[in-house]
């Protein structure tokens, strides 16, 4: 996995990794933003949306297939702390999921919003610029 950092301040925005014949754009805790045919497209995706995507709602799925909507409260290279539910308010239940648990498939996370027509859909494996 290759770290992708902003040029102006060195902030970690996410990662890119070549997997199964395509380049994956990943957020800081390892969840997939999208799949691309080129490394440059994956890097551009991470720089454009890696940090911003942390403010969106995500779907958390456990290994049994149960889905829950969650909000990211805190994220780093090792883990992500999630507010369970549609908002991150004081006192809401939380869950911390480690990168190892994500990698092992114990949990998976995907963004709630549908990609725009020029963005990849991680579920379909399509690249940026794919037909909707």
N, C-alpha and C. Protein backbone atom coordinates (compact mmCIF):
# COMPACT_ATOMS: atom_id res chain seq x y z
N UNK A 1 0.84 -1.17 0.00
CA UNK A 1 0.00 0.00 0.00
C UNK A 1 0.88 1.24 0.00
N UNK A 2 0.50 2.19 -0.82
CA UNK A 2 1.28 3.42 -0.95
C UNK A 2 0.51 4.58 -0.31
N UNK A 3 1.15 5.27 0.63
CA UNK A 3 0.54 6.44 1.27
C UNK A 3 0.39 7.57 0.26
N UNK A 4 -0.73 8.28 0.36
CA UNK A 4 -0.96 9.46 -0.46
C UNK A 4 -1.16 10.63 0.50
N UNK A 5 -0.28 11.62 0.38
CA UNK A 5 -0.30 12.79 1.26
C UNK A 5 -0.48 14.06 0.44
N UNK A 6 -1.13 15.05 1.05
CA UNK A 6 -1.25 16.36 0.40
C UNK A 6 0.12 16.98 0.29
N UNK A 7 0.39 17.59 -0.84
CA UNK A 7 1.70 18.19 -1.09
C UNK A 7 1.95 19.41 -0.18
N UNK A 8 0.91 20.18 0.12
CA UNK A 8 1.14 21.43 0.85
C UNK A 8 1.41 21.25 2.34
N UNK A 9 0.84 20.22 2.97
CA UNK A 9 1.05 20.08 4.41
C UNK A 9 1.41 18.66 4.86
N UNK A 10 1.49 17.72 3.94
CA UNK A 10 1.89 16.37 4.29
C UNK A 10 0.82 15.53 4.96
N UNK A 11 -0.42 16.03 5.02
CA UNK A 11 -1.52 15.29 5.65
C UNK A 11 -1.80 14.00 4.89
N UNK A 12 -1.93 12.89 5.63
CA UNK A 12 -2.28 11.61 5.03
C UNK A 12 -3.73 11.66 4.57
N UNK A 13 -3.97 11.45 3.29
CA UNK A 13 -5.32 11.48 2.72
C UNK A 13 -5.87 10.08 2.50
N UNK A 14 -4.99 9.10 2.39
CA UNK A 14 -5.41 7.73 2.14
C UNK A 14 -4.28 6.96 1.48
N UNK A 15 -4.68 5.93 0.75
CA UNK A 15 -3.71 5.03 0.14
C UNK A 15 -4.17 4.63 -1.25
N UNK A 16 -3.25 4.15 -2.06
CA UNK A 16 -3.58 3.45 -3.30
C UNK A 16 -2.88 2.10 -3.24
N UNK A 17 -3.52 1.13 -3.88
CA UNK A 17 -2.95 -0.21 -3.89
C UNK A 17 -3.43 -0.94 -5.14
N UNK A 18 -2.51 -1.66 -5.77
CA UNK A 18 -2.88 -2.47 -6.93
C UNK A 18 -3.45 -3.79 -6.42
N UNK A 19 -4.72 -4.05 -6.74
CA UNK A 19 -5.43 -5.25 -6.29
C UNK A 19 -6.23 -5.84 -7.44
N UNK A 20 -6.09 -7.10 -7.66
CA UNK A 20 -6.95 -7.82 -8.61
C UNK A 20 -7.06 -7.12 -9.97
N UNK A 21 -5.94 -6.62 -10.47
CA UNK A 21 -5.92 -6.04 -11.81
C UNK A 21 -6.33 -4.59 -11.94
N UNK A 22 -6.60 -3.92 -10.81
CA UNK A 22 -6.93 -2.49 -10.87
C UNK A 22 -6.34 -1.78 -9.66
N UNK A 23 -6.33 -0.47 -9.74
CA UNK A 23 -5.82 0.35 -8.64
C UNK A 23 -6.97 0.74 -7.72
N UNK A 24 -6.83 0.46 -6.43
CA UNK A 24 -7.84 0.83 -5.45
C UNK A 24 -7.45 2.12 -4.75
N UNK A 25 -8.41 3.02 -4.63
CA UNK A 25 -8.26 4.24 -3.84
C UNK A 25 -8.87 3.93 -2.47
N UNK A 26 -8.09 4.14 -1.40
CA UNK A 26 -8.51 3.76 -0.05
C UNK A 26 -8.46 4.95 0.90
N UNK A 27 -9.40 5.02 1.85
CA UNK A 27 -9.35 6.03 2.89
C UNK A 27 -8.29 5.66 3.91
N UNK A 28 -8.04 6.52 4.89
CA UNK A 28 -6.93 6.31 5.83
C UNK A 28 -7.03 5.01 6.61
N UNK A 29 -8.24 4.51 6.87
CA UNK A 29 -8.38 3.27 7.62
C UNK A 29 -8.55 2.05 6.72
N UNK A 30 -8.43 2.26 5.40
CA UNK A 30 -8.37 1.14 4.48
C UNK A 30 -9.63 0.80 3.72
N UNK A 31 -10.76 1.46 3.98
CA UNK A 31 -11.98 1.18 3.21
C UNK A 31 -11.82 1.72 1.79
N UNK A 32 -12.49 1.07 0.85
CA UNK A 32 -12.35 1.41 -0.56
C UNK A 32 -13.21 2.62 -0.93
N UNK A 33 -12.57 3.59 -1.60
CA UNK A 33 -13.29 4.70 -2.22
C UNK A 33 -13.72 4.33 -3.63
N UNK A 34 -12.85 3.64 -4.35
CA UNK A 34 -13.15 3.27 -5.73
C UNK A 34 -12.01 2.48 -6.35
N UNK A 35 -12.28 1.98 -7.55
CA UNK A 35 -11.31 1.20 -8.31
C UNK A 35 -11.02 1.92 -9.62
N UNK A 36 -9.77 1.88 -10.05
CA UNK A 36 -9.35 2.64 -11.23
C UNK A 36 -8.41 1.82 -12.10
N UNK A 37 -8.38 2.18 -13.37
CA UNK A 37 -7.50 1.47 -14.29
C UNK A 37 -6.06 1.97 -14.19
N UNK A 38 -5.86 3.19 -13.67
CA UNK A 38 -4.49 3.71 -13.54
C UNK A 38 -4.21 4.17 -12.12
N UNK A 39 -2.95 4.14 -11.77
CA UNK A 39 -2.51 4.62 -10.46
C UNK A 39 -2.83 6.11 -10.32
N UNK A 40 -2.58 6.89 -11.37
CA UNK A 40 -2.82 8.33 -11.31
C UNK A 40 -4.28 8.65 -11.00
N UNK A 41 -5.21 7.91 -11.60
CA UNK A 41 -6.64 8.13 -11.31
C UNK A 41 -6.95 7.80 -9.86
N UNK A 42 -6.36 6.73 -9.34
CA UNK A 42 -6.58 6.36 -7.94
C UNK A 42 -6.02 7.43 -7.00
N UNK A 43 -4.82 7.93 -7.31
CA UNK A 43 -4.21 8.99 -6.50
C UNK A 43 -5.09 10.23 -6.52
N UNK A 44 -5.56 10.63 -7.71
CA UNK A 44 -6.43 11.81 -7.82
C UNK A 44 -7.69 11.63 -6.98
N UNK A 45 -8.25 10.44 -6.99
CA UNK A 45 -9.47 10.16 -6.21
C UNK A 45 -9.19 10.30 -4.72
N UNK A 46 -8.09 9.75 -4.25
CA UNK A 46 -7.73 9.86 -2.83
C UNK A 46 -7.53 11.32 -2.44
N UNK A 47 -6.81 12.07 -3.25
CA UNK A 47 -6.56 13.48 -2.93
C UNK A 47 -7.84 14.30 -2.95
N UNK A 48 -8.74 14.00 -3.87
CA UNK A 48 -9.98 14.76 -3.99
C UNK A 48 -11.01 14.41 -2.92
N UNK A 49 -11.06 13.14 -2.50
CA UNK A 49 -12.16 12.71 -1.64
C UNK A 49 -11.77 11.93 -0.39
N UNK A 50 -10.51 11.57 -0.27
CA UNK A 50 -10.11 10.73 0.86
C UNK A 50 -10.50 11.28 2.21
N UNK A 51 -10.14 12.52 2.48
CA UNK A 51 -10.47 13.12 3.78
C UNK A 51 -11.93 13.57 3.83
N UNK A 52 -12.43 14.15 2.75
CA UNK A 52 -13.82 14.63 2.73
C UNK A 52 -14.82 13.50 2.94
N UNK A 53 -14.50 12.31 2.47
CA UNK A 53 -15.42 11.18 2.60
C UNK A 53 -15.64 10.78 4.06
N UNK A 54 -14.72 11.16 4.93
CA UNK A 54 -14.86 10.82 6.34
C UNK A 54 -16.03 11.54 6.99
N UNK A 55 -16.50 12.63 6.38
CA UNK A 55 -17.63 13.39 6.92
C UNK A 55 -18.97 12.84 6.45
N UNK A 56 -18.96 11.88 5.54
CA UNK A 56 -20.19 11.31 5.00
C UNK A 56 -20.68 10.14 5.86
N UNK A 57 -21.90 9.72 5.59
CA UNK A 57 -22.41 8.51 6.23
C UNK A 57 -21.84 7.30 5.50
N UNK A 58 -21.63 6.24 6.26
CA UNK A 58 -21.10 5.00 5.73
C UNK A 58 -22.03 3.86 6.13
N UNK A 59 -21.96 2.77 5.40
CA UNK A 59 -22.69 1.55 5.77
C UNK A 59 -21.67 0.57 6.34
N UNK A 60 -21.94 0.13 7.55
CA UNK A 60 -21.11 -0.87 8.23
C UNK A 60 -21.80 -2.22 8.09
N UNK A 61 -21.07 -3.21 7.60
CA UNK A 61 -21.62 -4.56 7.45
C UNK A 61 -20.76 -5.51 8.26
N UNK A 62 -21.42 -6.35 9.05
CA UNK A 62 -20.66 -7.37 9.79
C UNK A 62 -20.57 -8.63 8.95
N UNK A 63 -19.82 -9.60 9.43
CA UNK A 63 -19.57 -10.82 8.65
C UNK A 63 -20.84 -11.63 8.42
N UNK A 64 -21.89 -11.39 9.22
CA UNK A 64 -23.15 -12.10 9.03
C UNK A 64 -24.03 -11.41 7.98
N UNK A 65 -23.61 -10.22 7.50
CA UNK A 65 -24.35 -9.53 6.45
C UNK A 65 -25.32 -8.47 6.93
N UNK A 66 -25.30 -8.15 8.22
CA UNK A 66 -26.18 -7.12 8.77
C UNK A 66 -25.60 -5.73 8.51
N UNK A 67 -26.42 -4.81 8.00
CA UNK A 67 -25.97 -3.45 7.68
C UNK A 67 -26.48 -2.44 8.69
N UNK A 68 -25.62 -1.46 8.99
CA UNK A 68 -26.00 -0.33 9.84
C UNK A 68 -25.40 0.93 9.27
N UNK A 69 -26.14 2.03 9.34
CA UNK A 69 -25.61 3.33 8.93
C UNK A 69 -24.80 3.88 10.09
N UNK A 70 -23.61 4.41 9.76
CA UNK A 70 -22.70 4.94 10.78
C UNK A 70 -22.07 6.25 10.29
N UNK A 71 -21.53 7.00 11.25
CA UNK A 71 -20.77 8.20 10.97
C UNK A 71 -19.38 8.02 11.56
N UNK A 72 -18.38 8.46 10.83
CA UNK A 72 -17.00 8.38 11.31
C UNK A 72 -16.79 9.48 12.36
N UNK A 73 -16.33 9.08 13.54
CA UNK A 73 -15.98 10.06 14.57
C UNK A 73 -14.49 10.35 14.58
N UNK A 74 -13.70 9.31 14.39
CA UNK A 74 -12.25 9.46 14.39
C UNK A 74 -11.66 8.36 13.53
N UNK A 75 -10.63 8.71 12.77
CA UNK A 75 -10.01 7.72 11.89
C UNK A 75 -8.51 7.94 11.84
N UNK A 76 -7.79 6.83 11.78
CA UNK A 76 -6.35 6.88 11.56
C UNK A 76 -5.95 5.61 10.83
N UNK A 77 -4.65 5.41 10.68
CA UNK A 77 -4.17 4.27 9.90
C UNK A 77 -4.48 2.92 10.53
N UNK A 78 -4.74 2.89 11.83
CA UNK A 78 -4.92 1.63 12.54
C UNK A 78 -6.38 1.26 12.80
N UNK A 79 -7.26 2.28 12.90
CA UNK A 79 -8.64 1.99 13.25
C UNK A 79 -9.55 3.17 12.91
N UNK A 80 -10.84 2.92 13.03
CA UNK A 80 -11.85 3.95 12.84
C UNK A 80 -12.88 3.80 13.95
N UNK A 81 -13.24 4.92 14.58
CA UNK A 81 -14.29 4.91 15.59
C UNK A 81 -15.55 5.46 14.95
N UNK A 82 -16.63 4.70 15.07
CA UNK A 82 -17.88 5.00 14.38
C UNK A 82 -18.99 5.31 15.37
N UNK A 83 -19.80 6.32 15.06
CA UNK A 83 -21.04 6.57 15.78
C UNK A 83 -22.10 5.70 15.11
N UNK A 84 -22.77 4.89 15.89
CA UNK A 84 -23.77 3.98 15.35
C UNK A 84 -25.08 4.73 15.15
N UNK A 85 -25.45 4.96 13.92
CA UNK A 85 -26.66 5.70 13.60
C UNK A 85 -26.39 6.79 12.60
N UNK A 86 -27.44 7.60 12.36
CA UNK A 86 -27.38 8.61 11.32
C UNK A 86 -26.67 9.89 11.72
N UNK A 87 -26.37 10.06 13.00
CA UNK A 87 -25.68 11.28 13.41
C UNK A 87 -24.69 10.98 14.52
N UNK A 88 -23.73 11.84 14.63
CA UNK A 88 -22.69 11.70 15.64
C UNK A 88 -22.94 12.72 16.74
N UNK A 89 -23.82 12.38 17.64
CA UNK A 89 -24.19 13.26 18.74
C UNK A 89 -23.58 12.73 20.04
N UNK A 90 -23.38 13.61 21.02
CA UNK A 90 -22.86 13.13 22.30
C UNK A 90 -23.76 12.04 22.88
N UNK A 91 -23.14 10.99 23.36
CA UNK A 91 -23.87 9.91 24.00
C UNK A 91 -24.34 8.80 23.09
N UNK A 92 -24.18 8.94 21.76
CA UNK A 92 -24.60 7.84 20.89
C UNK A 92 -23.63 6.68 21.05
N UNK A 93 -24.11 5.46 20.87
CA UNK A 93 -23.21 4.31 20.96
C UNK A 93 -22.14 4.39 19.87
N UNK A 94 -20.96 3.91 20.19
CA UNK A 94 -19.86 3.91 19.23
C UNK A 94 -19.25 2.51 19.13
N UNK A 95 -18.49 2.33 18.07
CA UNK A 95 -17.78 1.08 17.85
C UNK A 95 -16.45 1.44 17.21
N UNK A 96 -15.38 0.86 17.71
CA UNK A 96 -14.07 1.03 17.09
C UNK A 96 -13.74 -0.24 16.32
N UNK A 97 -13.45 -0.06 15.03
CA UNK A 97 -13.12 -1.17 14.14
C UNK A 97 -11.67 -0.99 13.72
N UNK A 98 -10.89 -2.05 13.86
CA UNK A 98 -9.48 -1.96 13.48
C UNK A 98 -9.30 -2.25 11.99
N UNK A 99 -8.19 -1.78 11.46
CA UNK A 99 -7.84 -2.07 10.07
C UNK A 99 -7.71 -3.58 9.87
N UNK A 100 -7.16 -4.27 10.87
CA UNK A 100 -7.04 -5.73 10.78
C UNK A 100 -8.41 -6.40 10.64
N UNK A 101 -9.42 -5.89 11.37
CA UNK A 101 -10.77 -6.44 11.26
C UNK A 101 -11.37 -6.17 9.88
N UNK A 102 -11.10 -4.99 9.35
CA UNK A 102 -11.57 -4.69 7.99
C UNK A 102 -10.88 -5.59 6.98
N UNK A 103 -9.57 -5.74 7.10
CA UNK A 103 -8.81 -6.59 6.18
C UNK A 103 -9.25 -8.04 6.24
N UNK A 104 -9.62 -8.52 7.43
CA UNK A 104 -10.04 -9.91 7.62
C UNK A 104 -11.48 -10.15 7.20
N UNK A 105 -12.24 -9.08 6.94
CA UNK A 105 -13.64 -9.24 6.55
C UNK A 105 -14.60 -9.37 7.70
N UNK A 106 -14.12 -9.16 8.93
CA UNK A 106 -15.02 -9.18 10.09
C UNK A 106 -16.05 -8.07 9.95
N UNK A 107 -15.60 -6.92 9.46
CA UNK A 107 -16.44 -5.76 9.17
C UNK A 107 -16.08 -5.24 7.79
N UNK A 108 -17.03 -4.58 7.13
CA UNK A 108 -16.72 -3.83 5.92
C UNK A 108 -17.44 -2.50 6.00
N UNK A 109 -16.87 -1.50 5.36
CA UNK A 109 -17.46 -0.16 5.33
C UNK A 109 -17.52 0.33 3.90
N UNK A 110 -18.63 0.95 3.53
CA UNK A 110 -18.74 1.61 2.24
C UNK A 110 -19.54 2.90 2.41
N UNK A 111 -19.22 3.87 1.58
CA UNK A 111 -19.91 5.15 1.68
C UNK A 111 -21.37 5.00 1.31
N UNK A 112 -22.21 5.77 1.98
CA UNK A 112 -23.65 5.74 1.74
C UNK A 112 -24.03 6.38 0.42
N UNK A 113 -23.40 7.49 0.09
CA UNK A 113 -23.84 8.23 -1.10
C UNK A 113 -23.49 7.48 -2.36
N UNK A 114 -24.33 7.65 -3.36
CA UNK A 114 -24.05 7.04 -4.66
C UNK A 114 -23.00 7.87 -5.37
N UNK A 115 -22.06 7.26 -6.07
CA UNK A 115 -21.06 8.01 -6.81
C UNK A 115 -21.70 8.85 -7.91
N UNK A 116 -21.09 9.98 -8.21
CA UNK A 116 -21.52 10.78 -9.34
C UNK A 116 -21.20 10.03 -10.63
N UNK A 117 -21.75 10.48 -11.74
CA UNK A 117 -21.59 9.74 -12.99
C UNK A 117 -20.13 9.60 -13.42
N UNK A 118 -19.26 10.52 -13.00
CA UNK A 118 -17.85 10.43 -13.39
C UNK A 118 -16.98 9.81 -12.32
N UNK A 119 -17.61 9.24 -11.30
CA UNK A 119 -16.85 8.61 -10.22
C UNK A 119 -17.01 7.11 -10.28
N UNK A 120 -16.03 6.40 -9.74
CA UNK A 120 -16.13 4.95 -9.69
C UNK A 120 -17.15 4.50 -8.66
N UNK A 121 -17.77 3.38 -8.90
CA UNK A 121 -18.65 2.75 -7.93
C UNK A 121 -17.90 1.55 -7.38
N UNK A 122 -17.47 1.62 -6.09
CA UNK A 122 -16.69 0.52 -5.54
C UNK A 122 -17.38 -0.83 -5.65
N UNK A 123 -18.71 -0.84 -5.63
CA UNK A 123 -19.44 -2.10 -5.71
C UNK A 123 -19.33 -2.74 -7.09
N UNK A 124 -19.22 -1.89 -8.14
CA UNK A 124 -19.21 -2.43 -9.49
C UNK A 124 -17.82 -2.69 -10.02
N UNK A 125 -16.80 -2.07 -9.38
CA UNK A 125 -15.45 -2.23 -9.86
C UNK A 125 -15.14 -1.32 -11.04
N UNK A 126 -16.11 -0.43 -11.40
CA UNK A 126 -15.90 0.45 -12.55
C UNK A 126 -14.90 1.54 -12.27
N UNK A 127 -14.25 2.02 -13.29
CA UNK A 127 -13.27 3.09 -13.14
C UNK A 127 -13.90 4.45 -13.34
N UNK A 128 -13.18 5.47 -12.99
CA UNK A 128 -13.64 6.84 -13.18
C UNK A 128 -13.89 7.05 -14.67
N UNK A 129 -15.01 7.69 -14.96
CA UNK A 129 -15.35 7.92 -16.35
C UNK A 129 -16.16 6.77 -16.95
N UNK A 130 -16.47 5.76 -16.17
CA UNK A 130 -17.27 4.65 -16.67
C UNK A 130 -18.70 5.13 -16.93
N UNK A 131 -19.37 4.47 -17.81
CA UNK A 131 -20.77 4.79 -18.04
C UNK A 131 -21.56 4.44 -16.80
N UNK A 132 -22.55 5.27 -16.44
CA UNK A 132 -23.34 4.99 -15.22
C UNK A 132 -24.17 3.75 -15.34
